[in-house]
């Protein structure tokens, strides 16, 4: 009878240790939370055409990687500080930045959905429409002032409708 509490304690210790080491996440759950359907490359930086300000924080950009980045992330291959889709805000003095790694996303050739949680900003989500024709033109011109992504951004308790973004390839 005394062996049972010892066995239970050992099982609990093993379970806790596997959680602390980051036991392999359930791939079925990840596939439901991290979805993409991208026949085309949409990688690049999406820069707001007008300032979106929340307190001291301003939306700097939304980044999307290449299709293999989305596939790796969905399959559990993660690098600290990087995701196939990220949002970055900067403080008013431009010396502080906060990068949001997604808690969920759903990206297709014409739609972008992103969710994250930030210590500084609270819950953040974006839902927008990606214009493939405008994106193709921007890519041909190596960046263009035209709007390629437009949608609704929610930051904490605030909602910003009609957030427009242009495309930039990056450095």
C-alpha atoms as a PDB file:
ATOM      1  CA  UNK A   1       0.000   0.000   0.000  1.00  0.00           C
ATOM      2  CA  UNK A   2       2.894   2.350   0.704  1.00  0.00           C
ATOM      3  CA  UNK A   3       4.235   1.759  -2.805  1.00  0.00           C
ATOM      4  CA  UNK A   4       1.175   3.400  -4.402  1.00  0.00           C
ATOM      5  CA  UNK A   5       1.871   6.935  -3.086  1.00  0.00           C
ATOM      6  CA  UNK A   6       5.511   6.587  -4.135  1.00  0.00           C
ATOM      7  CA  UNK A   7       4.484   5.455  -7.643  1.00  0.00           C
ATOM      8  CA  UNK A   8       1.992   8.319  -7.941  1.00  0.00           C
ATOM      9  CA  UNK A   9       4.579  10.850  -6.820  1.00  0.00           C
ATOM     10  CA  UNK A  10       7.051   9.477  -9.364  1.00  0.00           C
ATOM     11  CA  UNK A  11       4.480   9.653 -12.169  1.00  0.00           C
ATOM     12  CA  UNK A  12       3.617  13.244 -11.269  1.00  0.00           C
ATOM     13  CA  UNK A  13       7.299  14.177 -11.220  1.00  0.00           C
ATOM     14  CA  UNK A  14       7.830  12.650 -14.672  1.00  0.00           C
ATOM     15  CA  UNK A  15       4.774  14.457 -16.046  1.00  0.00           C
ATOM     16  CA  UNK A  16       5.928  17.791 -14.617  1.00  0.00           C
ATOM     17  CA  UNK A  17       9.435  17.267 -15.981  1.00  0.00           C
ATOM     18  CA  UNK A  18       8.142  16.538 -19.474  1.00  0.00           C
ATOM     19  CA  UNK A  19       6.005  19.694 -19.400  1.00  0.00           C
ATOM     20  CA  UNK A  20       8.952  21.838 -18.280  1.00  0.00           C
ATOM     21  CA  UNK A  21      11.118  20.429 -21.066  1.00  0.00           C
ATOM     22  CA  UNK A  22       8.425  21.344 -23.574  1.00  0.00           C
ATOM     23  CA  UNK A  23       6.957  17.969 -24.445  1.00  0.00           C
ATOM     24  CA  UNK A  24       6.089  17.618 -28.107  1.00  0.00           C
ATOM     25  CA  UNK A  25       2.862  19.494 -28.823  1.00  0.00           C
ATOM     26  CA  UNK A  26      -0.090  17.726 -30.361  1.00  0.00           C
ATOM     27  CA  UNK A  27       0.294  18.203 -34.146  1.00  0.00           C
ATOM     28  CA  UNK A  28      -3.456  17.891 -34.764  1.00  0.00           C
ATOM     29  CA  UNK A  29      -4.105  20.809 -32.404  1.00  0.00           C
ATOM     30  CA  UNK A  30      -1.357  22.868 -34.055  1.00  0.00           C
ATOM     31  CA  UNK A  31      -2.767  22.227 -37.515  1.00  0.00           C
ATOM     32  CA  UNK A  32      -6.136  23.586 -36.350  1.00  0.00           C
ATOM     33  CA  UNK A  33      -4.599  26.713 -34.778  1.00  0.00           C
ATOM     34  CA  UNK A  34      -1.826  27.385 -37.312  1.00  0.00           C
ATOM     35  CA  UNK A  35      -3.295  27.109 -40.810  1.00  0.00           C
ATOM     36  CA  UNK A  36      -2.115  28.264 -44.195  1.00  0.00           C
ATOM     37  CA  UNK A  37      -3.094  27.656 -47.795  1.00  0.00           C
ATOM     38  CA  UNK A  38      -0.585  29.545 -49.898  1.00  0.00           C
ATOM     39  CA  UNK A  39      -0.038  28.594 -53.527  1.00  0.00           C
ATOM     40  CA  UNK A  40       1.886  31.867 -53.986  1.00  0.00           C
ATOM     41  CA  UNK A  41       4.721  33.524 -52.077  1.00  0.00           C
ATOM     42  CA  UNK A  42       3.378  36.360 -49.921  1.00  0.00           C
ATOM     43  CA  UNK A  43       6.591  36.904 -47.951  1.00  0.00           C
ATOM     44  CA  UNK A  44       7.646  40.392 -46.994  1.00  0.00           C
ATOM     45  CA  UNK A  45       6.885  43.272 -44.680  1.00  0.00           C
ATOM     46  CA  UNK A  46       3.462  44.874 -44.669  1.00  0.00           C
ATOM     47  CA  UNK A  47       3.815  48.487 -43.543  1.00  0.00           C
ATOM     48  CA  UNK A  48       0.828  50.603 -42.451  1.00  0.00           C
ATOM     49  CA  UNK A  49       0.065  53.446 -44.865  1.00  0.00           C
ATOM     50  CA  UNK A  50      -1.124  55.611 -41.946  1.00  0.00           C
ATOM     51  CA  UNK A  51      -0.084  55.497 -38.308  1.00  0.00           C
ATOM     52  CA  UNK A  52      -1.937  53.144 -35.987  1.00  0.00           C
ATOM     53  CA  UNK A  53      -1.239  54.307 -32.434  1.00  0.00           C
ATOM     54  CA  UNK A  54      -2.223  52.642 -29.136  1.00  0.00           C
ATOM     55  CA  UNK A  55      -0.970  54.651 -26.188  1.00  0.00           C
ATOM     56  CA  UNK A  56       2.797  54.919 -26.605  1.00  0.00           C
ATOM     57  CA  UNK A  57       2.877  52.043 -29.116  1.00  0.00           C
ATOM     58  CA  UNK A  58       2.634  52.325 -32.905  1.00  0.00           C
ATOM     59  CA  UNK A  59       2.181  49.463 -35.355  1.00  0.00           C
ATOM     60  CA  UNK A  60       5.466  49.156 -37.258  1.00  0.00           C
ATOM     61  CA  UNK A  61       4.749  46.189 -39.549  1.00  0.00           C
ATOM     62  CA  UNK A  62       3.267  42.769 -40.125  1.00  0.00           C
ATOM     63  CA  UNK A  63       5.802  40.244 -41.407  1.00  0.00           C
ATOM     64  CA  UNK A  64       5.025  37.107 -43.398  1.00  0.00           C
ATOM     65  CA  UNK A  65       7.614  34.491 -44.305  1.00  0.00           C
ATOM     66  CA  UNK A  66       7.802  32.017 -47.144  1.00  0.00           C
ATOM     67  CA  UNK A  67       5.653  28.888 -47.483  1.00  0.00           C
ATOM     68  CA  UNK A  68       8.354  26.565 -46.006  1.00  0.00           C
ATOM     69  CA  UNK A  69       8.392  28.805 -42.892  1.00  0.00           C
ATOM     70  CA  UNK A  70       4.643  28.261 -42.456  1.00  0.00           C
ATOM     71  CA  UNK A  71       5.029  24.501 -42.966  1.00  0.00           C
ATOM     72  CA  UNK A  72       7.850  24.209 -40.435  1.00  0.00           C
ATOM     73  CA  UNK A  73       5.974  26.242 -37.812  1.00  0.00           C
ATOM     74  CA  UNK A  74       2.772  24.236 -38.238  1.00  0.00           C
ATOM     75  CA  UNK A  75       4.793  21.041 -37.824  1.00  0.00           C
ATOM     76  CA  UNK A  76       6.322  22.223 -34.550  1.00  0.00           C
ATOM     77  CA  UNK A  77       9.762  23.334 -35.768  1.00  0.00           C
ATOM     78  CA  UNK A  78      10.178  26.590 -33.867  1.00  0.00           C
ATOM     79  CA  UNK A  79      12.999  29.064 -33.461  1.00  0.00           C
ATOM     80  CA  UNK A  80      12.826  31.457 -30.522  1.00  0.00           C
ATOM     81  CA  UNK A  81      11.723  34.928 -31.582  1.00  0.00           C
ATOM     82  CA  UNK A  82      10.654  33.919 -35.096  1.00  0.00           C
ATOM     83  CA  UNK A  83       7.367  32.827 -36.645  1.00  0.00           C
ATOM     84  CA  UNK A  84       6.138  32.732 -40.235  1.00  0.00           C
ATOM     85  CA  UNK A  85       3.838  35.630 -39.416  1.00  0.00           C
ATOM     86  CA  UNK A  86       4.649  38.259 -36.792  1.00  0.00           C
ATOM     87  CA  UNK A  87       3.530  41.731 -35.874  1.00  0.00           C
ATOM     88  CA  UNK A  88       5.834  44.380 -34.469  1.00  0.00           C
ATOM     89  CA  UNK A  89       5.041  47.561 -32.571  1.00  0.00           C
ATOM     90  CA  UNK A  90       7.456  50.294 -31.513  1.00  0.00           C
ATOM     91  CA  UNK A  91       7.254  52.793 -28.684  1.00  0.00           C
ATOM     92  CA  UNK A  92       7.058  56.529 -29.336  1.00  0.00           C
ATOM     93  CA  UNK A  93      10.790  57.044 -28.915  1.00  0.00           C
ATOM     94  CA  UNK A  94      11.459  54.226 -31.447  1.00  0.00           C
ATOM     95  CA  UNK A  95      14.011  52.605 -29.136  1.00  0.00           C
ATOM     96  CA  UNK A  96      11.609  50.024 -27.721  1.00  0.00           C
ATOM     97  CA  UNK A  97       9.999  47.357 -29.879  1.00  0.00           C
ATOM     98  CA  UNK A  98       7.749  44.459 -29.113  1.00  0.00           C
ATOM     99  CA  UNK A  99       7.456  41.521 -31.506  1.00  0.00           C
ATOM    100  CA  UNK A 100       4.266  39.492 -31.334  1.00  0.00           C
ATOM    101  CA  UNK A 101       4.550  35.778 -32.027  1.00  0.00           C
ATOM    102  CA  UNK A 102       1.188  34.251 -33.016  1.00  0.00           C
ATOM    103  CA  UNK A 103      -1.010  32.166 -30.786  1.00  0.00           C
ATOM    104  CA  UNK A 104      -3.047  31.394 -33.924  1.00  0.00           C
ATOM    105  CA  UNK A 105      -3.080  32.269 -37.602  1.00  0.00           C
ATOM    106  CA  UNK A 106      -4.919  31.412 -40.796  1.00  0.00           C
ATOM    107  CA  UNK A 107      -3.283  32.721 -43.977  1.00  0.00           C
ATOM    108  CA  UNK A 108      -4.511  32.101 -47.511  1.00  0.00           C
ATOM    109  CA  UNK A 109      -3.754  33.795 -50.812  1.00  0.00           C
ATOM    110  CA  UNK A 110      -6.501  36.359 -50.154  1.00  0.00           C
ATOM    111  CA  UNK A 111      -6.999  36.411 -46.366  1.00  0.00           C
ATOM    112  CA  UNK A 112      -4.802  37.019 -43.315  1.00  0.00           C
ATOM    113  CA  UNK A 113      -5.912  36.220 -39.769  1.00  0.00           C
ATOM    114  CA  UNK A 114      -3.484  36.680 -36.887  1.00  0.00           C
ATOM    115  CA  UNK A 115      -3.841  36.463 -33.105  1.00  0.00           C
ATOM    116  CA  UNK A 116      -1.286  37.109 -30.387  1.00  0.00           C
ATOM    117  CA  UNK A 117      -0.976  38.247 -26.802  1.00  0.00           C
ATOM    118  CA  UNK A 118       1.428  40.930 -25.671  1.00  0.00           C
ATOM    119  CA  UNK A 119       2.564  41.874 -22.193  1.00  0.00           C
ATOM    120  CA  UNK A 120       2.553  45.522 -23.316  1.00  0.00           C
ATOM    121  CA  UNK A 121      -0.603  45.584 -25.470  1.00  0.00           C
ATOM    122  CA  UNK A 122      -2.839  42.724 -24.318  1.00  0.00           C
ATOM    123  CA  UNK A 123      -4.774  40.681 -26.891  1.00  0.00           C
ATOM    124  CA  UNK A 124      -3.963  41.629 -30.488  1.00  0.00           C
ATOM    125  CA  UNK A 125      -5.690  40.376 -33.633  1.00  0.00           C
ATOM    126  CA  UNK A 126      -5.770  41.286 -37.279  1.00  0.00           C
ATOM    127  CA  UNK A 127      -8.149  40.124 -39.961  1.00  0.00           C
ATOM    128  CA  UNK A 128      -7.622  41.393 -43.465  1.00  0.00           C
ATOM    129  CA  UNK A 129      -7.949  40.869 -47.184  1.00  0.00           C
ATOM    130  CA  UNK A 130      -4.817  40.388 -49.279  1.00  0.00           C
ATOM    131  CA  UNK A 131      -5.030  41.797 -52.810  1.00  0.00           C
ATOM    132  CA  UNK A 132      -2.926  39.482 -55.006  1.00  0.00           C
ATOM    133  CA  UNK A 133      -2.983  41.829 -58.020  1.00  0.00           C
ATOM    134  CA  UNK A 134      -1.697  44.756 -55.952  1.00  0.00           C
ATOM    135  CA  UNK A 135       0.873  42.474 -54.298  1.00  0.00           C
ATOM    136  CA  UNK A 136       2.145  41.259 -57.688  1.00  0.00           C
ATOM    137  CA  UNK A 137       2.493  44.879 -58.857  1.00  0.00           C
ATOM    138  CA  UNK A 138       4.330  45.862 -55.670  1.00  0.00           C
ATOM    139  CA  UNK A 139       6.696  42.903 -56.048  1.00  0.00           C
ATOM    140  CA  UNK A 140       7.413  43.817 -59.694  1.00  0.00           C
ATOM    141  CA  UNK A 141       8.209  47.383 -58.618  1.00  0.00           C
ATOM    142  CA  UNK A 142      10.240  46.235 -55.576  1.00  0.00           C
ATOM    143  CA  UNK A 143       7.798  47.981 -53.295  1.00  0.00           C
ATOM    144  CA  UNK A 144       4.970  50.318 -54.099  1.00  0.00           C
ATOM    145  CA  UNK A 145       2.870  52.795 -52.192  1.00  0.00           C
ATOM    146  CA  UNK A 146      -0.299  50.951 -53.187  1.00  0.00           C
ATOM    147  CA  UNK A 147      -2.402  49.107 -50.617  1.00  0.00           C
ATOM    148  CA  UNK A 148      -1.976  45.321 -50.751  1.00  0.00           C
ATOM    149  CA  UNK A 149      -3.500  44.352 -47.391  1.00  0.00           C
ATOM    150  CA  UNK A 150      -6.493  45.951 -45.702  1.00  0.00           C
ATOM    151  CA  UNK A 151      -8.393  44.908 -42.606  1.00  0.00           C
ATOM    152  CA  UNK A 152      -9.329  45.307 -38.963  1.00  0.00           C
ATOM    153  CA  UNK A 153      -6.773  45.461 -36.156  1.00  0.00           C
ATOM    154  CA  UNK A 154      -7.813  44.938 -32.539  1.00  0.00           C
ATOM    155  CA  UNK A 155      -5.404  45.903 -29.780  1.00  0.00           C
ATOM    156  CA  UNK A 156      -6.558  45.457 -26.216  1.00  0.00           C
ATOM    157  CA  UNK A 157     -10.000  47.068 -26.136  1.00  0.00           C
ATOM    158  CA  UNK A 158      -9.495  49.223 -29.249  1.00  0.00           C
ATOM    159  CA  UNK A 159     -10.585  48.414 -32.799  1.00  0.00           C
ATOM    160  CA  UNK A 160      -9.072  50.000 -35.899  1.00  0.00           C
ATOM    161  CA  UNK A 161     -11.137  49.438 -39.047  1.00  0.00           C
ATOM    162  CA  UNK A 162      -9.680  49.979 -42.499  1.00  0.00           C
ATOM    163  CA  UNK A 163      -6.019  49.499 -41.581  1.00  0.00           C
ATOM    164  CA  UNK A 164      -4.188  49.612 -44.932  1.00  0.00           C
ATOM    165  CA  UNK A 165      -0.715  48.240 -45.562  1.00  0.00           C
ATOM    166  CA  UNK A 166       1.740  48.417 -48.440  1.00  0.00           C
ATOM    167  CA  UNK A 167       4.331  45.744 -49.226  1.00  0.00           C
ATOM    168  CA  UNK A 168       8.093  45.990 -48.795  1.00  0.00           C
ATOM    169  CA  UNK A 169      10.608  43.210 -49.510  1.00  0.00           C
ATOM    170  CA  UNK A 170      12.920  44.192 -46.643  1.00  0.00           C
ATOM    171  CA  UNK A 171      16.669  44.553 -46.612  1.00  0.00           C
END
